[in-house]
């Protein structure tokens, strides 16, 4: 996993504009988005993106093949760190989401003074729930009729979190002096 680069524009454009990329349990995070808008967001992030400290990452296989995206942001005004992970359909169920989530948790707890990281996932998305639990997250409860309209239907979502004291030690990253 790495921070997005301008060279990722074609991949990001394809993902953001493909309903199948978002899967059956999620709403597209964006309306249809142009390449020029994506390019502009590199040099001129919106005030909202600045406010929530939005950071987008690209998930790659060892051979450099781009297979997904992940982001983190601060929910305002509570300042809760939230993450999200999405993979191309052909790469789901292979452990990449668990690994990317573990990597992001390590990165955030090493680099940010935060006490918790949270994720919302559709109650029907068993694969995401399994990946989150493998990464150390615990289900906190149900958010009914969450603000995410999924293919025309209001859906319930589970809220998962991991606290710094539950994390204890990195799963993937190592801290250097």
C-alpha atoms as a PDB file:
ATOM      1  CA  UNK A   1       0.000   0.000   0.000  1.00  0.00           C
ATOM      2  CA  UNK A   2       1.218   3.475  -0.807  1.00  0.00           C
ATOM      3  CA  UNK A   3       0.008   7.068  -1.058  1.00  0.00           C
ATOM      4  CA  UNK A   4      -1.756   7.846  -4.334  1.00  0.00           C
ATOM      5  CA  UNK A   5       0.267   9.408  -7.109  1.00  0.00           C
ATOM      6  CA  UNK A   6      -0.705  11.241 -10.287  1.00  0.00           C
ATOM      7  CA  UNK A   7       0.255   8.088 -12.176  1.00  0.00           C
ATOM      8  CA  UNK A   8      -2.748   6.402 -10.492  1.00  0.00           C
ATOM      9  CA  UNK A   9      -5.312   8.714 -12.138  1.00  0.00           C
ATOM     10  CA  UNK A  10      -6.479   6.150 -14.729  1.00  0.00           C
ATOM     11  CA  UNK A  11      -6.863   3.424 -12.079  1.00  0.00           C
ATOM     12  CA  UNK A  12      -8.664   5.757  -9.658  1.00  0.00           C
ATOM     13  CA  UNK A  13     -10.928   7.071 -12.412  1.00  0.00           C
ATOM     14  CA  UNK A  14     -11.867   3.524 -13.376  1.00  0.00           C
ATOM     15  CA  UNK A  15     -12.555   2.535  -9.747  1.00  0.00           C
ATOM     16  CA  UNK A  16     -14.530   5.604  -8.755  1.00  0.00           C
ATOM     17  CA  UNK A  17     -16.787   5.324 -11.817  1.00  0.00           C
ATOM     18  CA  UNK A  18     -17.432   1.560 -11.657  1.00  0.00           C
ATOM     19  CA  UNK A  19     -20.463   0.521  -9.573  1.00  0.00           C
ATOM     20  CA  UNK A  20     -19.089  -3.035  -9.357  1.00  0.00           C
ATOM     21  CA  UNK A  21     -15.885  -1.774  -7.728  1.00  0.00           C
ATOM     22  CA  UNK A  22     -17.920  -0.551  -4.745  1.00  0.00           C
ATOM     23  CA  UNK A  23     -19.565  -3.963  -4.418  1.00  0.00           C
ATOM     24  CA  UNK A  24     -23.067  -4.952  -3.464  1.00  0.00           C
ATOM     25  CA  UNK A  25     -22.740  -3.654   0.114  1.00  0.00           C
ATOM     26  CA  UNK A  26     -21.551  -0.104  -0.431  1.00  0.00           C
ATOM     27  CA  UNK A  27     -22.646   3.023  -2.174  1.00  0.00           C
ATOM     28  CA  UNK A  28     -20.201   4.638  -4.572  1.00  0.00           C
ATOM     29  CA  UNK A  29     -18.150   7.063  -2.527  1.00  0.00           C
ATOM     30  CA  UNK A  30     -18.323   9.571  -5.338  1.00  0.00           C
ATOM     31  CA  UNK A  31     -20.706  10.557  -8.057  1.00  0.00           C
ATOM     32  CA  UNK A  32     -19.266  10.052 -11.517  1.00  0.00           C
ATOM     33  CA  UNK A  33     -15.955  11.883 -11.454  1.00  0.00           C
ATOM     34  CA  UNK A  34     -13.837  13.154 -14.310  1.00  0.00           C
ATOM     35  CA  UNK A  35     -10.107  12.655 -14.745  1.00  0.00           C
ATOM     36  CA  UNK A  36      -9.603  16.417 -14.667  1.00  0.00           C
ATOM     37  CA  UNK A  37     -11.323  16.587 -11.255  1.00  0.00           C
ATOM     38  CA  UNK A  38      -9.044  13.834  -9.943  1.00  0.00           C
ATOM     39  CA  UNK A  39      -5.965  15.595 -11.306  1.00  0.00           C
ATOM     40  CA  UNK A  40      -7.082  18.894  -9.762  1.00  0.00           C
ATOM     41  CA  UNK A  41      -7.595  17.226  -6.353  1.00  0.00           C
ATOM     42  CA  UNK A  42      -3.863  16.441  -6.182  1.00  0.00           C
ATOM     43  CA  UNK A  43      -2.795  20.052  -6.344  1.00  0.00           C
ATOM     44  CA  UNK A  44      -5.897  21.692  -4.876  1.00  0.00           C
ATOM     45  CA  UNK A  45      -7.625  19.556  -2.241  1.00  0.00           C
ATOM     46  CA  UNK A  46     -11.019  20.869  -1.207  1.00  0.00           C
ATOM     47  CA  UNK A  47     -11.491  22.695   2.076  1.00  0.00           C
ATOM     48  CA  UNK A  48     -13.527  19.701   3.248  1.00  0.00           C
ATOM     49  CA  UNK A  49     -10.681  17.282   2.419  1.00  0.00           C
ATOM     50  CA  UNK A  50      -8.313  19.503   4.383  1.00  0.00           C
ATOM     51  CA  UNK A  51     -10.718  19.692   7.339  1.00  0.00           C
ATOM     52  CA  UNK A  52     -11.101  15.908   7.621  1.00  0.00           C
ATOM     53  CA  UNK A  53      -7.423  15.261   6.795  1.00  0.00           C
ATOM     54  CA  UNK A  54      -8.472  12.903   4.001  1.00  0.00           C
ATOM     55  CA  UNK A  55      -5.640  10.726   2.670  1.00  0.00           C
ATOM     56  CA  UNK A  56      -6.050   8.236  -0.168  1.00  0.00           C
ATOM     57  CA  UNK A  57      -3.824   5.192  -0.668  1.00  0.00           C
ATOM     58  CA  UNK A  58      -3.494   2.639  -3.464  1.00  0.00           C
ATOM     59  CA  UNK A  59      -3.299  -1.050  -2.593  1.00  0.00           C
ATOM     60  CA  UNK A  60      -0.849  -2.962  -4.764  1.00  0.00           C
ATOM     61  CA  UNK A  61       0.269  -6.547  -5.077  1.00  0.00           C
ATOM     62  CA  UNK A  62       3.981  -7.255  -4.769  1.00  0.00           C
ATOM     63  CA  UNK A  63       4.288  -7.133  -8.565  1.00  0.00           C
ATOM     64  CA  UNK A  64       2.902  -3.571  -8.605  1.00  0.00           C
ATOM     65  CA  UNK A  65      -0.584  -4.465  -9.859  1.00  0.00           C
ATOM     66  CA  UNK A  66      -3.094  -1.997  -8.437  1.00  0.00           C
ATOM     67  CA  UNK A  67      -5.920  -3.884  -6.737  1.00  0.00           C
ATOM     68  CA  UNK A  68      -7.721  -1.392  -4.523  1.00  0.00           C
ATOM     69  CA  UNK A  69      -7.878   1.784  -2.526  1.00  0.00           C
ATOM     70  CA  UNK A  70      -7.903   2.684   1.131  1.00  0.00           C
ATOM     71  CA  UNK A  71      -8.347   5.970   2.905  1.00  0.00           C
ATOM     72  CA  UNK A  72      -8.319   7.498   6.315  1.00  0.00           C
ATOM     73  CA  UNK A  73     -10.032  10.627   7.535  1.00  0.00           C
ATOM     74  CA  UNK A  74     -10.941  12.420  10.754  1.00  0.00           C
ATOM     75  CA  UNK A  75     -14.662  12.586  11.488  1.00  0.00           C
ATOM     76  CA  UNK A  76     -15.484  16.079  12.732  1.00  0.00           C
ATOM     77  CA  UNK A  77     -16.199  17.383  15.322  1.00  0.00           C
ATOM     78  CA  UNK A  78     -15.451  14.226  17.353  1.00  0.00           C
ATOM     79  CA  UNK A  79     -12.026  13.777  15.746  1.00  0.00           C
ATOM     80  CA  UNK A  80     -12.468  10.021  15.334  1.00  0.00           C
ATOM     81  CA  UNK A  81     -10.143   8.377  12.838  1.00  0.00           C
ATOM     82  CA  UNK A  82     -12.067   6.395  10.245  1.00  0.00           C
ATOM     83  CA  UNK A  83     -10.706   4.126   7.535  1.00  0.00           C
ATOM     84  CA  UNK A  84     -12.203   2.371   4.527  1.00  0.00           C
ATOM     85  CA  UNK A  85     -10.878  -0.300   2.170  1.00  0.00           C
ATOM     86  CA  UNK A  86     -12.146  -1.342  -1.276  1.00  0.00           C
ATOM     87  CA  UNK A  87     -10.724  -3.976  -3.625  1.00  0.00           C
ATOM     88  CA  UNK A  88     -11.360  -4.740  -7.277  1.00  0.00           C
ATOM     89  CA  UNK A  89     -13.824  -7.656  -7.472  1.00  0.00           C
ATOM     90  CA  UNK A  90     -11.290 -10.181  -8.798  1.00  0.00           C
ATOM     91  CA  UNK A  91      -9.001  -9.697  -5.753  1.00  0.00           C
ATOM     92  CA  UNK A  92     -11.565 -10.043  -2.978  1.00  0.00           C
ATOM     93  CA  UNK A  93     -11.401 -12.986  -0.596  1.00  0.00           C
ATOM     94  CA  UNK A  94      -7.617 -13.380  -0.881  1.00  0.00           C
ATOM     95  CA  UNK A  95      -6.544 -11.685   2.362  1.00  0.00           C
ATOM     96  CA  UNK A  96      -5.548  -8.345   0.830  1.00  0.00           C
ATOM     97  CA  UNK A  97      -8.173  -6.364   2.782  1.00  0.00           C
ATOM     98  CA  UNK A  98      -6.991  -7.842   6.082  1.00  0.00           C
ATOM     99  CA  UNK A  99      -3.362  -7.082   5.270  1.00  0.00           C
ATOM    100  CA  UNK A 100      -4.123  -3.528   4.098  1.00  0.00           C
ATOM    101  CA  UNK A 101      -6.216  -2.885   7.212  1.00  0.00           C
ATOM    102  CA  UNK A 102      -3.477  -4.189   9.517  1.00  0.00           C
ATOM    103  CA  UNK A 103      -0.927  -2.040   7.705  1.00  0.00           C
ATOM    104  CA  UNK A 104      -3.116   1.075   7.997  1.00  0.00           C
ATOM    105  CA  UNK A 105      -3.735   0.450  11.718  1.00  0.00           C
ATOM    106  CA  UNK A 106       0.008   0.091  12.349  1.00  0.00           C
ATOM    107  CA  UNK A 107       0.720   3.234  10.319  1.00  0.00           C
ATOM    108  CA  UNK A 108      -1.908   5.325  12.104  1.00  0.00           C
ATOM    109  CA  UNK A 109      -1.020   4.225  15.639  1.00  0.00           C
ATOM    110  CA  UNK A 110       2.689   4.773  14.948  1.00  0.00           C
ATOM    111  CA  UNK A 111       2.206   8.194  13.369  1.00  0.00           C
ATOM    112  CA  UNK A 112      -0.864   9.775  14.947  1.00  0.00           C
ATOM    113  CA  UNK A 113      -1.776  10.608  18.512  1.00  0.00           C
ATOM    114  CA  UNK A 114      -5.143   8.833  18.350  1.00  0.00           C
ATOM    115  CA  UNK A 115      -6.866   6.457  20.734  1.00  0.00           C
ATOM    116  CA  UNK A 116      -9.175   4.659  18.285  1.00  0.00           C
ATOM    117  CA  UNK A 117      -9.740   3.802  14.644  1.00  0.00           C
ATOM    118  CA  UNK A 118     -13.201   2.981  13.401  1.00  0.00           C
ATOM    119  CA  UNK A 119     -14.873   1.453  10.339  1.00  0.00           C
ATOM    120  CA  UNK A 120     -18.468   1.200   9.179  1.00  0.00           C
ATOM    121  CA  UNK A 121     -19.442  -1.938   7.248  1.00  0.00           C
ATOM    122  CA  UNK A 122     -22.751  -3.151   5.883  1.00  0.00           C
ATOM    123  CA  UNK A 123     -24.363  -5.779   8.152  1.00  0.00           C
ATOM    124  CA  UNK A 124     -24.534  -8.131   5.143  1.00  0.00           C
ATOM    125  CA  UNK A 125     -20.824  -7.822   4.294  1.00  0.00           C
ATOM    126  CA  UNK A 126     -19.502 -10.908   6.106  1.00  0.00           C
ATOM    127  CA  UNK A 127     -16.148 -10.820   4.274  1.00  0.00           C
ATOM    128  CA  UNK A 128     -15.385  -7.282   5.514  1.00  0.00           C
ATOM    129  CA  UNK A 129     -16.427  -8.218   9.046  1.00  0.00           C
ATOM    130  CA  UNK A 130     -14.094 -11.219   8.974  1.00  0.00           C
ATOM    131  CA  UNK A 131     -11.198  -9.072   7.693  1.00  0.00           C
ATOM    132  CA  UNK A 132     -11.794  -6.455  10.386  1.00  0.00           C
ATOM    133  CA  UNK A 133     -11.927  -9.037  13.166  1.00  0.00           C
ATOM    134  CA  UNK A 134      -8.698 -10.656  11.900  1.00  0.00           C
ATOM    135  CA  UNK A 135      -7.111  -7.194  12.036  1.00  0.00           C
ATOM    136  CA  UNK A 136      -8.142  -6.811  15.696  1.00  0.00           C
ATOM    137  CA  UNK A 137     -11.315  -4.722  15.355  1.00  0.00           C
ATOM    138  CA  UNK A 138     -14.330  -5.319  17.589  1.00  0.00           C
ATOM    139  CA  UNK A 139     -17.950  -4.784  16.683  1.00  0.00           C
ATOM    140  CA  UNK A 140     -19.451  -1.975  18.773  1.00  0.00           C
ATOM    141  CA  UNK A 141     -22.997  -1.942  17.492  1.00  0.00           C
ATOM    142  CA  UNK A 142     -25.430  -1.284  14.680  1.00  0.00           C
ATOM    143  CA  UNK A 143     -25.969   2.042  12.966  1.00  0.00           C
ATOM    144  CA  UNK A 144     -29.513   1.750  11.665  1.00  0.00           C
ATOM    145  CA  UNK A 145     -30.390   3.181   8.260  1.00  0.00           C
ATOM    146  CA  UNK A 146     -26.880   4.553   7.966  1.00  0.00           C
ATOM    147  CA  UNK A 147     -26.327   7.572   5.750  1.00  0.00           C
ATOM    148  CA  UNK A 148     -25.164   5.287   2.948  1.00  0.00           C
ATOM    149  CA  UNK A 149     -27.817   4.561   0.359  1.00  0.00           C
ATOM    150  CA  UNK A 150     -26.794   1.214  -1.161  1.00  0.00           C
ATOM    151  CA  UNK A 151     -28.210   0.680  -4.644  1.00  0.00           C
ATOM    152  CA  UNK A 152     -31.382   2.507  -3.740  1.00  0.00           C
ATOM    153  CA  UNK A 153     -31.932   0.947  -0.304  1.00  0.00           C
ATOM    154  CA  UNK A 154     -31.138   2.403   3.125  1.00  0.00           C
ATOM    155  CA  UNK A 155     -29.018  -0.185   4.912  1.00  0.00           C
ATOM    156  CA  UNK A 156     -27.899  -0.914   8.439  1.00  0.00           C
ATOM    157  CA  UNK A 157     -24.169  -0.856   9.125  1.00  0.00           C
ATOM    158  CA  UNK A 158     -22.022  -2.239  11.928  1.00  0.00           C
ATOM    159  CA  UNK A 159     -19.549   0.058  13.628  1.00  0.00           C
ATOM    160  CA  UNK A 160     -16.196  -1.606  14.325  1.00  0.00           C
ATOM    161  CA  UNK A 161     -13.249  -0.111  16.180  1.00  0.00           C
ATOM    162  CA  UNK A 162      -9.834  -0.873  17.535  1.00  0.00           C
ATOM    163  CA  UNK A 163      -8.399   1.031  20.490  1.00  0.00           C
ATOM    164  CA  UNK A 164      -4.714   1.785  20.896  1.00  0.00           C
ATOM    165  CA  UNK A 165      -4.540  -0.414  24.021  1.00  0.00           C
ATOM    166  CA  UNK A 166      -6.132  -3.322  22.109  1.00  0.00           C
ATOM    167  CA  UNK A 167      -3.619  -2.946  19.276  1.00  0.00           C
ATOM    168  CA  UNK A 168      -0.676  -3.540  21.634  1.00  0.00           C
ATOM    169  CA  UNK A 169       1.891  -4.151  18.895  1.00  0.00           C
ATOM    170  CA  UNK A 170       2.257  -3.791  15.145  1.00  0.00           C
ATOM    171  CA  UNK A 171       1.145  -6.637  12.896  1.00  0.00           C
ATOM    172  CA  UNK A 172       3.178  -5.614   9.839  1.00  0.00           C
ATOM    173  CA  UNK A 173       5.181  -2.407  10.330  1.00  0.00           C
ATOM    174  CA  UNK A 174       8.098  -2.099  12.701  1.00  0.00           C
ATOM    175  CA  UNK A 175       9.077   1.080  14.487  1.00  0.00           C
ATOM    176  CA  UNK A 176      12.556   2.378  13.797  1.00  0.00           C
ATOM    177  CA  UNK A 177      14.507   4.666  16.068  1.00  0.00           C
END
